[in-house]
Amino acid sequence: MTAKSSHNENFGFIIEKLVQKIVTRLLSVYIAKLDIFSRIVQTKEVLTTKEVAELLGMNERVVRDKINSGLIPAYKPEFANKFLVLRKDLMNEIVSGQRYKSLSMIDTEVNSGFDSRKYV
């Protein structure tokens, strides 16, 4: 009986630690998004890809790739040979999180560095 209860206690401890780790990572993702959002609020209405890259902490080429794949909404006016991103559109994408960061991207962030062998 004691071995079984000890096993259940260990299992409970493992689950608790896993939940704490996941919550901590999700909270850090949320805080990072909040930080990005607050920086964007203080910028001008129309942003270039370079400005978006600086705000999001990404390479400008990555931002252009995300624009081309539809992950970041942007416009390419006839008079310009560059993408322009409306601040309100970028903020909406970050808040909704639907296209800016997919569930698989968040899942990858949460599980990065997780070694299940430690808990077996």
N, C-alpha and C. Protein backbone atom coordinates (compact mmCIF):
# COMPACT_ATOMS: atom_id res chain seq x y z
N MET A 1 0.81 -1.19 0.00
CA MET A 1 0.00 0.00 0.00
C MET A 1 0.86 1.26 0.00
N THR A 2 1.91 1.27 0.77
CA THR A 2 2.73 2.48 0.86
C THR A 2 3.46 2.75 -0.45
N ALA A 3 3.87 1.71 -1.14
CA ALA A 3 4.56 1.91 -2.42
C ALA A 3 3.63 2.54 -3.44
N LYS A 4 2.36 2.11 -3.43
CA LYS A 4 1.40 2.65 -4.38
C LYS A 4 1.10 4.11 -4.06
N SER A 5 0.91 4.45 -2.80
CA SER A 5 0.63 5.84 -2.44
C SER A 5 1.84 6.72 -2.72
N SER A 6 3.03 6.16 -2.51
CA SER A 6 4.25 6.91 -2.83
C SER A 6 4.33 7.18 -4.32
N HIS A 7 3.95 6.17 -5.11
CA HIS A 7 3.95 6.32 -6.56
C HIS A 7 2.96 7.42 -6.97
N ASN A 8 1.77 7.44 -6.36
CA ASN A 8 0.76 8.45 -6.66
C ASN A 8 1.24 9.83 -6.26
N GLU A 9 1.95 9.93 -5.13
CA GLU A 9 2.49 11.22 -4.70
C GLU A 9 3.54 11.72 -5.69
N ASN A 10 4.40 10.83 -6.15
CA ASN A 10 5.41 11.21 -7.13
C ASN A 10 4.75 11.67 -8.43
N PHE A 11 3.73 10.93 -8.85
CA PHE A 11 3.01 11.30 -10.07
C PHE A 11 2.36 12.67 -9.90
N GLY A 12 1.74 12.90 -8.75
CA GLY A 12 1.13 14.21 -8.47
C GLY A 12 2.16 15.32 -8.49
N PHE A 13 3.32 15.07 -7.92
CA PHE A 13 4.41 16.05 -7.90
C PHE A 13 4.88 16.36 -9.31
N ILE A 14 5.01 15.32 -10.13
CA ILE A 14 5.45 15.50 -11.52
C ILE A 14 4.44 16.35 -12.28
N ILE A 15 3.16 16.03 -12.14
CA ILE A 15 2.11 16.79 -12.82
C ILE A 15 2.13 18.24 -12.36
N GLU A 16 2.27 18.46 -11.08
CA GLU A 16 2.31 19.83 -10.54
C GLU A 16 3.48 20.61 -11.14
N LYS A 17 4.64 20.00 -11.23
CA LYS A 17 5.82 20.66 -11.79
C LYS A 17 5.62 20.96 -13.28
N LEU A 18 5.02 20.02 -14.00
CA LEU A 18 4.75 20.24 -15.42
C LEU A 18 3.79 21.41 -15.63
N VAL A 19 2.74 21.45 -14.83
CA VAL A 19 1.77 22.54 -14.94
C VAL A 19 2.43 23.87 -14.60
N GLN A 20 3.26 23.91 -13.56
CA GLN A 20 3.96 25.14 -13.20
C GLN A 20 4.85 25.60 -14.34
N LYS A 21 5.55 24.68 -14.96
CA LYS A 21 6.45 25.02 -16.06
C LYS A 21 5.67 25.58 -17.25
N ILE A 22 4.57 24.94 -17.60
CA ILE A 22 3.76 25.38 -18.73
C ILE A 22 3.16 26.76 -18.44
N VAL A 23 2.63 26.94 -17.25
CA VAL A 23 2.03 28.23 -16.89
C VAL A 23 3.09 29.33 -16.92
N THR A 24 4.28 29.04 -16.42
CA THR A 24 5.36 30.01 -16.43
C THR A 24 5.73 30.40 -17.85
N ARG A 25 5.86 29.42 -18.73
CA ARG A 25 6.21 29.72 -20.12
C ARG A 25 5.10 30.49 -20.82
N LEU A 26 3.83 30.10 -20.61
CA LEU A 26 2.73 30.82 -21.23
C LEU A 26 2.67 32.26 -20.72
N LEU A 27 2.94 32.44 -19.44
CA LEU A 27 2.95 33.78 -18.87
C LEU A 27 4.08 34.61 -19.48
N SER A 28 5.24 34.00 -19.70
CA SER A 28 6.34 34.75 -20.30
C SER A 28 6.01 35.12 -21.75
N VAL A 29 5.31 34.24 -22.48
CA VAL A 29 4.88 34.56 -23.84
C VAL A 29 3.90 35.73 -23.80
N TYR A 30 2.98 35.69 -22.84
CA TYR A 30 2.00 36.76 -22.70
C TYR A 30 2.69 38.09 -22.37
N ILE A 31 3.65 38.06 -21.48
CA ILE A 31 4.37 39.28 -21.10
C ILE A 31 5.15 39.83 -22.30
N ALA A 32 5.76 38.95 -23.08
CA ALA A 32 6.49 39.39 -24.27
C ALA A 32 5.53 40.04 -25.26
N LYS A 33 4.36 39.46 -25.45
CA LYS A 33 3.35 40.05 -26.34
C LYS A 33 2.90 41.40 -25.82
N LEU A 34 2.70 41.50 -24.52
CA LEU A 34 2.29 42.75 -23.90
C LEU A 34 3.35 43.83 -24.10
N ASP A 35 4.61 43.45 -23.98
CA ASP A 35 5.71 44.39 -24.19
C ASP A 35 5.73 44.88 -25.63
N ILE A 36 5.59 43.97 -26.58
CA ILE A 36 5.54 44.34 -28.00
C ILE A 36 4.36 45.26 -28.26
N PHE A 37 3.22 44.90 -27.71
CA PHE A 37 2.00 45.68 -27.91
C PHE A 37 2.18 47.10 -27.37
N SER A 38 2.78 47.25 -26.20
CA SER A 38 2.96 48.58 -25.62
C SER A 38 3.93 49.42 -26.45
N ARG A 39 4.95 48.78 -27.04
CA ARG A 39 5.86 49.52 -27.92
C ARG A 39 5.16 49.96 -29.20
N ILE A 40 4.29 49.10 -29.73
CA ILE A 40 3.58 49.43 -30.96
C ILE A 40 2.61 50.59 -30.74
N VAL A 41 1.97 50.62 -29.58
CA VAL A 41 1.01 51.68 -29.27
C VAL A 41 1.67 53.05 -29.36
N GLN A 42 2.95 53.12 -29.04
CA GLN A 42 3.67 54.39 -29.01
C GLN A 42 4.26 54.77 -30.37
N THR A 43 4.02 53.99 -31.42
CA THR A 43 4.61 54.28 -32.73
C THR A 43 3.62 55.04 -33.60
N LYS A 44 4.06 55.34 -34.79
CA LYS A 44 3.21 56.05 -35.75
C LYS A 44 2.17 55.10 -36.35
N GLU A 45 1.25 55.66 -37.12
CA GLU A 45 0.12 54.90 -37.66
C GLU A 45 0.52 53.90 -38.75
N VAL A 46 1.49 54.29 -39.60
CA VAL A 46 1.91 53.43 -40.71
C VAL A 46 3.38 53.07 -40.51
N LEU A 47 3.67 51.77 -40.57
CA LEU A 47 5.02 51.28 -40.30
C LEU A 47 5.62 50.62 -41.53
N THR A 48 6.92 50.73 -41.66
CA THR A 48 7.64 50.01 -42.71
C THR A 48 8.00 48.63 -42.18
N THR A 49 8.48 47.77 -43.06
CA THR A 49 8.88 46.43 -42.61
C THR A 49 10.06 46.53 -41.65
N LYS A 50 10.92 47.51 -41.85
CA LYS A 50 12.06 47.69 -40.96
C LYS A 50 11.58 48.05 -39.55
N GLU A 51 10.61 48.95 -39.47
CA GLU A 51 10.08 49.35 -38.16
C GLU A 51 9.34 48.19 -37.48
N VAL A 52 8.60 47.42 -38.26
CA VAL A 52 7.91 46.25 -37.71
C VAL A 52 8.93 45.25 -37.18
N ALA A 53 9.99 45.03 -37.95
CA ALA A 53 11.04 44.10 -37.52
C ALA A 53 11.66 44.54 -36.20
N GLU A 54 11.93 45.83 -36.06
CA GLU A 54 12.51 46.34 -34.82
C GLU A 54 11.55 46.16 -33.65
N LEU A 55 10.26 46.44 -33.88
CA LEU A 55 9.27 46.30 -32.82
C LEU A 55 9.08 44.86 -32.38
N LEU A 56 9.10 43.95 -33.34
CA LEU A 56 8.87 42.54 -33.03
C LEU A 56 10.15 41.78 -32.67
N GLY A 57 11.29 42.45 -32.81
CA GLY A 57 12.56 41.80 -32.51
C GLY A 57 12.90 40.73 -33.51
N MET A 58 12.58 40.98 -34.78
CA MET A 58 12.82 40.01 -35.85
C MET A 58 13.72 40.64 -36.91
N ASN A 59 14.20 39.79 -37.79
CA ASN A 59 14.93 40.23 -38.96
C ASN A 59 13.93 40.78 -39.97
N GLU A 60 14.32 41.81 -40.71
CA GLU A 60 13.41 42.41 -41.69
C GLU A 60 12.99 41.39 -42.75
N ARG A 61 13.88 40.51 -43.12
CA ARG A 61 13.56 39.48 -44.12
C ARG A 61 12.47 38.53 -43.59
N VAL A 62 12.54 38.20 -42.32
CA VAL A 62 11.52 37.34 -41.70
C VAL A 62 10.17 38.04 -41.72
N VAL A 63 10.17 39.34 -41.44
CA VAL A 63 8.91 40.10 -41.47
C VAL A 63 8.33 40.08 -42.88
N ARG A 64 9.16 40.29 -43.90
CA ARG A 64 8.67 40.24 -45.27
C ARG A 64 8.12 38.86 -45.62
N ASP A 65 8.79 37.82 -45.16
CA ASP A 65 8.29 36.46 -45.39
C ASP A 65 6.93 36.25 -44.72
N LYS A 66 6.78 36.77 -43.50
CA LYS A 66 5.50 36.64 -42.79
C LYS A 66 4.41 37.44 -43.50
N ILE A 67 4.78 38.59 -44.06
CA ILE A 67 3.81 39.39 -44.82
C ILE A 67 3.40 38.62 -46.07
N ASN A 68 4.37 38.07 -46.79
CA ASN A 68 4.07 37.32 -48.02
C ASN A 68 3.21 36.09 -47.75
N SER A 69 3.38 35.48 -46.58
CA SER A 69 2.59 34.29 -46.27
C SER A 69 1.28 34.63 -45.58
N GLY A 70 1.02 35.92 -45.34
CA GLY A 70 -0.25 36.34 -44.76
C GLY A 70 -0.28 36.35 -43.25
N LEU A 71 0.84 36.12 -42.59
CA LEU A 71 0.86 36.11 -41.13
C LEU A 71 0.83 37.52 -40.54
N ILE A 72 1.34 38.49 -41.27
CA ILE A 72 1.29 39.89 -40.86
C ILE A 72 0.58 40.65 -41.98
N PRO A 73 -0.52 41.36 -41.65
CA PRO A 73 -1.25 42.10 -42.69
C PRO A 73 -0.45 43.33 -43.13
N ALA A 74 -0.35 43.54 -44.44
CA ALA A 74 0.39 44.67 -44.98
C ALA A 74 -0.21 45.08 -46.31
N TYR A 75 0.18 46.26 -46.74
CA TYR A 75 -0.30 46.82 -48.00
C TYR A 75 0.90 47.26 -48.82
N LYS A 76 0.79 47.13 -50.13
CA LYS A 76 1.85 47.57 -51.02
C LYS A 76 1.22 48.57 -52.00
N PRO A 77 1.34 49.86 -51.68
CA PRO A 77 0.74 50.88 -52.55
C PRO A 77 1.39 50.90 -53.93
N GLU A 78 0.65 51.38 -54.93
CA GLU A 78 1.16 51.44 -56.29
C GLU A 78 2.36 52.36 -56.41
N PHE A 79 2.40 53.42 -55.59
CA PHE A 79 3.46 54.41 -55.68
C PHE A 79 4.74 54.00 -54.94
N ALA A 80 4.70 52.90 -54.21
CA ALA A 80 5.88 52.48 -53.43
C ALA A 80 6.24 51.04 -53.76
N ASN A 81 7.49 50.75 -53.65
CA ASN A 81 7.95 49.39 -53.89
C ASN A 81 8.26 48.68 -52.57
N LYS A 82 7.50 49.03 -51.54
CA LYS A 82 7.71 48.40 -50.24
C LYS A 82 6.36 48.21 -49.54
N PHE A 83 6.36 47.28 -48.60
CA PHE A 83 5.16 47.01 -47.83
C PHE A 83 5.00 48.05 -46.74
N LEU A 84 3.76 48.40 -46.46
CA LEU A 84 3.43 49.27 -45.34
C LEU A 84 2.45 48.52 -44.45
N VAL A 85 2.66 48.62 -43.16
CA VAL A 85 1.83 47.92 -42.19
C VAL A 85 1.12 48.97 -41.35
N LEU A 86 -0.21 48.84 -41.27
CA LEU A 86 -0.96 49.76 -40.42
C LEU A 86 -0.82 49.31 -38.96
N ARG A 87 -0.56 50.27 -38.11
CA ARG A 87 -0.36 49.96 -36.70
C ARG A 87 -1.56 49.22 -36.13
N LYS A 88 -2.77 49.70 -36.44
CA LYS A 88 -3.96 49.05 -35.87
C LYS A 88 -4.10 47.60 -36.35
N ASP A 89 -3.72 47.31 -37.60
CA ASP A 89 -3.78 45.93 -38.09
C ASP A 89 -2.78 45.04 -37.37
N LEU A 90 -1.58 45.56 -37.16
CA LEU A 90 -0.56 44.78 -36.46
C LEU A 90 -0.99 44.52 -35.02
N MET A 91 -1.56 45.53 -34.37
CA MET A 91 -2.03 45.37 -32.99
C MET A 91 -3.16 44.33 -32.93
N ASN A 92 -4.07 44.39 -33.89
CA ASN A 92 -5.17 43.42 -33.91
C ASN A 92 -4.66 42.00 -34.07
N GLU A 93 -3.67 41.82 -34.93
CA GLU A 93 -3.09 40.49 -35.14
C GLU A 93 -2.41 39.98 -33.87
N ILE A 94 -1.70 40.85 -33.19
CA ILE A 94 -1.00 40.43 -31.97
C ILE A 94 -2.00 40.09 -30.88
N VAL A 95 -3.03 40.92 -30.74
CA VAL A 95 -4.04 40.67 -29.71
C VAL A 95 -4.80 39.38 -30.00
N SER A 96 -5.22 39.18 -31.25
CA SER A 96 -5.98 37.97 -31.58
C SER A 96 -5.10 36.74 -31.53
N GLY A 97 -3.84 36.89 -31.95
CA GLY A 97 -2.90 35.78 -31.92
C GLY A 97 -3.23 34.67 -32.90
N GLN A 98 -4.22 34.88 -33.74
CA GLN A 98 -4.65 33.82 -34.63
C GLN A 98 -3.67 33.58 -35.77
N ARG A 99 -3.17 34.66 -36.37
CA ARG A 99 -2.25 34.47 -37.48
C ARG A 99 -0.83 34.87 -37.12
N TYR A 100 -0.69 35.80 -36.20
CA TYR A 100 0.65 36.26 -35.84
C TYR A 100 1.45 35.13 -35.22
N LYS A 101 0.83 34.38 -34.33
CA LYS A 101 1.52 33.27 -33.69
C LYS A 101 0.55 32.10 -33.62
N SER A 102 0.86 31.05 -34.30
CA SER A 102 -0.03 29.90 -34.35
C SER A 102 0.08 29.08 -33.07
N LEU A 103 -0.88 28.20 -32.86
CA LEU A 103 -0.85 27.32 -31.69
C LEU A 103 0.39 26.44 -31.68
N SER A 104 0.80 26.00 -32.87
CA SER A 104 1.99 25.15 -32.93
C SER A 104 3.24 25.94 -32.54
N MET A 105 3.27 27.24 -32.89
CA MET A 105 4.40 28.07 -32.50
C MET A 105 4.45 28.24 -30.98
N ILE A 106 3.28 28.48 -30.36
CA ILE A 106 3.22 28.61 -28.91
C ILE A 106 3.58 27.29 -28.25
N ASP A 107 3.05 26.19 -28.79
CA ASP A 107 3.35 24.86 -28.25
C ASP A 107 4.85 24.58 -28.31
N THR A 108 5.49 24.97 -29.41
CA THR A 108 6.93 24.78 -29.54
C THR A 108 7.67 25.59 -28.49
N GLU A 109 7.23 26.83 -28.26
CA GLU A 109 7.86 27.67 -27.23
C GLU A 109 7.70 27.06 -25.85
N VAL A 110 6.49 26.56 -25.57
CA VAL A 110 6.21 25.99 -24.25
C VAL A 110 7.05 24.74 -24.01
N ASN A 111 7.18 23.91 -25.05
CA ASN A 111 7.87 22.63 -24.88
C ASN A 111 9.36 22.68 -25.17
N SER A 112 9.87 23.81 -25.60
CA SER A 112 11.31 23.88 -25.88
C SER A 112 12.09 23.71 -24.59
N GLY A 113 13.05 22.89 -24.62
CA GLY A 113 13.85 22.65 -23.43
C GLY A 113 13.24 21.69 -22.44
N PHE A 114 12.04 21.17 -22.74
CA PHE A 114 11.40 20.22 -21.84
C PHE A 114 11.96 18.83 -22.05
N ASP A 115 12.44 18.25 -21.00
CA ASP A 115 13.04 16.91 -21.08
C ASP A 115 12.18 15.97 -20.26
N SER A 116 11.32 15.20 -20.94
CA SER A 116 10.42 14.30 -20.23
C SER A 116 11.15 13.18 -19.51
N ARG A 117 12.39 12.92 -19.90
CA ARG A 117 13.16 11.84 -19.25
C ARG A 117 13.41 12.16 -17.77
N LYS A 118 13.40 13.44 -17.42
CA LYS A 118 13.62 13.81 -16.02
C LYS A 118 12.47 13.34 -15.13
N TYR A 119 11.30 13.15 -15.71
CA TYR A 119 10.13 12.83 -14.92
C TYR A 119 9.69 11.39 -15.02
N VAL A 120 10.47 10.57 -15.68
CA VAL A 120 10.10 9.16 -15.84
C VAL A 120 10.88 8.31 -14.87
